[in-house]
Amino acid sequence: MTAVLRRAPAEPPDPDTLAVRAVLLASEQRQIPRAATDLAARIAKRSGAPVHVFAIARIWGTSFGFPNPGLMPSRREWDEARSVVDGAVRRLKKKGVTADGRVLGARAGAKRIVKEARRLGCDAIVMGADPQRSWLVGDFMWSQEPYRVRRRADLPVYLVVDS
């Protein structure tokens, strides 16, 4: 019996050589770093493409397989996610980039972010990220969601690590 090892996703191409139809600037319930906004703007400007800003408001699970109001995002969490999206859209528009935003609730953040990128016809995803942890520990941490997006996506994912 052979062990299945996780393969590291391929490094994305140089962002300055990428031609895109649209860029997704995504957040899984964290502030979008200015450096991530700058990178998304740089990629989009090169092609004259729009940037779609997307944030996840985390749904904490289900109760007996059904959504439970106590596990849904609170009003404060929805407001924080909207604030993150609004701030990023404002920064992008100041840079002369066409931008719009959206917030959705989801349990599987990585799956939803990749699905949204496909739906919007994006050719690249940009996200802020914490430093990467080992896969064993990282699979249990919501803060490692950007790395799950990178593993799941079939398009370039640029992670801007918070320092």
Protein backbone atom coordinates (compact mmCIF):
# COMPACT_ATOMS: atom_id res chain seq x y z
CA MET A 1 0.00 0.00 0.00
CA THR A 2 1.46 3.37 -0.97
CA ALA A 3 1.05 6.53 1.04
CA VAL A 4 -0.61 9.48 -0.66
CA LEU A 5 1.45 12.60 -0.13
CA ARG A 6 0.13 16.08 -0.69
CA ARG A 7 1.80 17.77 -3.57
CA ALA A 8 2.62 21.42 -3.29
CA PRO A 9 0.66 23.54 -5.76
CA ALA A 10 2.66 25.05 -8.58
CA GLU A 11 3.91 28.57 -8.04
CA PRO A 12 1.79 31.06 -9.97
CA PRO A 13 3.37 32.86 -12.93
CA ASP A 14 4.95 36.29 -12.57
CA PRO A 15 2.01 38.67 -12.03
CA ASP A 16 3.59 41.25 -14.35
CA THR A 17 3.33 38.83 -17.30
CA LEU A 18 -0.28 37.79 -16.71
CA ALA A 19 -3.08 38.85 -19.08
CA VAL A 20 -6.48 38.57 -17.38
CA ARG A 21 -10.15 39.18 -18.10
CA ALA A 22 -10.88 39.80 -14.40
CA VAL A 23 -9.24 39.41 -10.98
CA LEU A 24 -10.85 38.17 -7.77
CA LEU A 25 -9.57 39.84 -4.59
CA ALA A 26 -10.87 37.51 -1.88
CA SER A 27 -11.01 37.40 1.91
CA GLU A 28 -12.03 34.65 4.28
CA GLN A 29 -13.02 36.95 7.13
CA ARG A 30 -9.81 38.94 7.45
CA GLN A 31 -8.80 42.47 6.59
CA ILE A 32 -7.47 42.63 3.04
CA PRO A 33 -3.87 43.84 3.28
CA ARG A 34 -2.99 46.96 1.29
CA ALA A 35 -0.28 44.93 -0.47
CA ALA A 36 -2.93 42.46 -1.74
CA THR A 37 -5.08 45.33 -3.02
CA ASP A 38 -2.03 46.83 -4.74
CA LEU A 39 -1.16 43.50 -6.38
CA ALA A 40 -4.74 42.97 -7.62
CA ALA A 41 -4.76 46.51 -9.04
CA ARG A 42 -1.38 45.99 -10.75
CA ILE A 43 -2.55 42.74 -12.39
CA ALA A 44 -5.88 44.24 -13.48
CA LYS A 45 -4.45 47.53 -14.81
CA ARG A 46 -2.06 45.69 -17.09
CA SER A 47 -5.04 44.16 -18.96
CA GLY A 48 -7.67 46.84 -18.30
CA ALA A 49 -9.64 44.24 -16.34
CA PRO A 50 -12.04 44.73 -13.43
CA VAL A 51 -11.38 43.50 -9.89
CA HIS A 52 -14.17 41.69 -8.07
CA VAL A 53 -13.78 41.93 -4.29
CA PHE A 54 -15.31 38.97 -2.46
CA ALA A 55 -15.53 38.18 1.24
CA ILE A 56 -16.81 35.17 3.15
CA ALA A 57 -18.87 35.54 6.32
CA ARG A 58 -18.20 32.22 8.03
CA ILE A 59 -21.07 29.85 8.76
CA TRP A 60 -19.94 27.84 11.74
CA GLY A 61 -21.58 24.53 10.79
CA THR A 62 -24.90 22.74 10.79
CA SER A 63 -27.05 21.14 13.42
CA PHE A 64 -28.18 17.63 12.50
CA GLY A 65 -27.52 18.46 8.83
CA PHE A 66 -29.71 21.58 8.81
CA PRO A 67 -28.66 25.22 8.99
CA ASN A 68 -29.02 26.55 12.51
CA PRO A 69 -29.54 30.27 13.16
CA GLY A 70 -27.08 30.11 16.07
CA LEU A 71 -24.33 28.98 13.70
CA MET A 72 -24.93 31.67 11.08
CA PRO A 73 -22.72 34.78 10.97
CA SER A 74 -23.76 37.44 13.46
CA ARG A 75 -24.80 40.93 12.39
CA ARG A 76 -21.38 42.17 13.51
CA GLU A 77 -19.61 39.56 11.33
CA TRP A 78 -21.73 40.54 8.29
CA ASP A 79 -20.97 44.23 8.92
CA GLU A 80 -17.23 43.54 9.28
CA ALA A 81 -17.19 41.60 5.99
CA ARG A 82 -19.07 44.40 4.21
CA SER A 83 -16.63 46.94 5.65
CA VAL A 84 -13.65 44.91 4.37
CA VAL A 85 -15.18 44.73 0.87
CA ASP A 86 -16.17 48.42 0.82
CA GLY A 87 -12.68 49.52 1.90
CA ALA A 88 -10.98 47.42 -0.78
CA VAL A 89 -13.36 48.65 -3.50
CA ARG A 90 -12.67 52.28 -2.49
CA ARG A 91 -8.88 51.72 -2.60
CA LEU A 92 -9.12 50.07 -6.01
CA LYS A 93 -11.29 52.85 -7.44
CA LYS A 94 -8.78 55.44 -6.15
CA LYS A 95 -6.16 53.58 -8.22
CA GLY A 96 -8.35 53.89 -11.32
CA VAL A 97 -9.45 50.23 -11.39
CA THR A 98 -13.04 49.17 -12.03
CA ALA A 99 -14.17 47.29 -8.92
CA ASP A 100 -17.26 45.83 -7.31
CA GLY A 101 -17.84 43.78 -4.18
CA ARG A 102 -19.90 40.98 -2.71
CA VAL A 103 -20.23 39.20 0.65
CA LEU A 104 -21.61 35.67 1.06
CA GLY A 105 -21.95 33.26 3.94
CA ALA A 106 -20.26 29.88 3.55
CA ARG A 107 -18.92 26.96 5.58
CA ALA A 108 -16.40 25.83 2.98
CA GLY A 109 -14.63 29.11 2.23
CA ALA A 110 -12.06 27.77 -0.23
CA LYS A 111 -14.67 25.96 -2.28
CA ARG A 112 -16.90 29.04 -2.41
CA ILE A 113 -14.05 31.40 -3.36
CA VAL A 114 -12.96 29.18 -6.27
CA LYS A 115 -16.58 28.80 -7.39
CA GLU A 116 -17.03 32.59 -7.34
CA ALA A 117 -13.84 33.10 -9.37
CA ARG A 118 -15.14 30.69 -12.03
CA ARG A 119 -18.60 32.30 -12.02
CA LEU A 120 -17.12 35.76 -12.60
CA GLY A 121 -14.68 34.57 -15.30
CA CYS A 122 -11.60 35.54 -13.27
CA ASP A 123 -8.14 34.50 -14.43
CA ALA A 124 -6.38 35.12 -11.09
CA ILE A 125 -7.17 35.21 -7.37
CA VAL A 126 -5.37 37.45 -4.89
CA MET A 127 -5.70 36.92 -1.11
CA GLY A 128 -4.04 37.99 2.10
CA ALA A 129 -2.67 35.06 4.12
CA ASP A 130 -1.04 34.14 7.41
CA PRO A 131 2.31 32.34 7.29
CA GLN A 132 1.77 28.76 6.15
CA ARG A 133 1.54 26.01 8.76
CA SER A 134 2.15 22.31 8.23
CA TRP A 135 -0.69 20.64 6.35
CA LEU A 136 -1.59 18.50 9.37
CA VAL A 137 -2.20 21.50 11.63
CA GLY A 138 -3.30 23.84 8.84
CA ASP A 139 -6.24 21.68 7.79
CA PHE A 140 -7.92 22.48 11.12
CA MET A 141 -7.37 26.25 11.02
CA TRP A 142 -9.70 28.71 9.29
CA SER A 143 -6.76 31.13 8.96
CA GLN A 144 -5.15 28.66 6.53
CA GLU A 145 -8.06 28.91 4.08
CA PRO A 146 -5.99 30.83 1.47
CA TYR A 147 -3.69 27.81 1.13
CA ARG A 148 -6.73 25.56 0.58
CA VAL A 149 -7.86 27.99 -2.15
CA ARG A 150 -4.45 27.67 -3.80
CA ARG A 151 -4.63 23.84 -3.69
CA ARG A 152 -8.19 23.74 -5.02
CA ALA A 153 -7.97 26.38 -7.77
CA ASP A 154 -7.03 25.66 -11.36
CA LEU A 155 -5.97 29.28 -11.92
CA PRO A 156 -3.12 31.33 -10.44
CA VAL A 157 -3.59 32.21 -6.76
CA TYR A 158 -1.35 34.96 -5.36
CA LEU A 159 -1.07 34.95 -1.57
CA VAL A 160 0.19 38.09 0.15
CA VAL A 161 1.53 36.97 3.53
CA ASP A 162 0.84 39.35 6.41
CA SER A 163 4.03 40.27 8.21
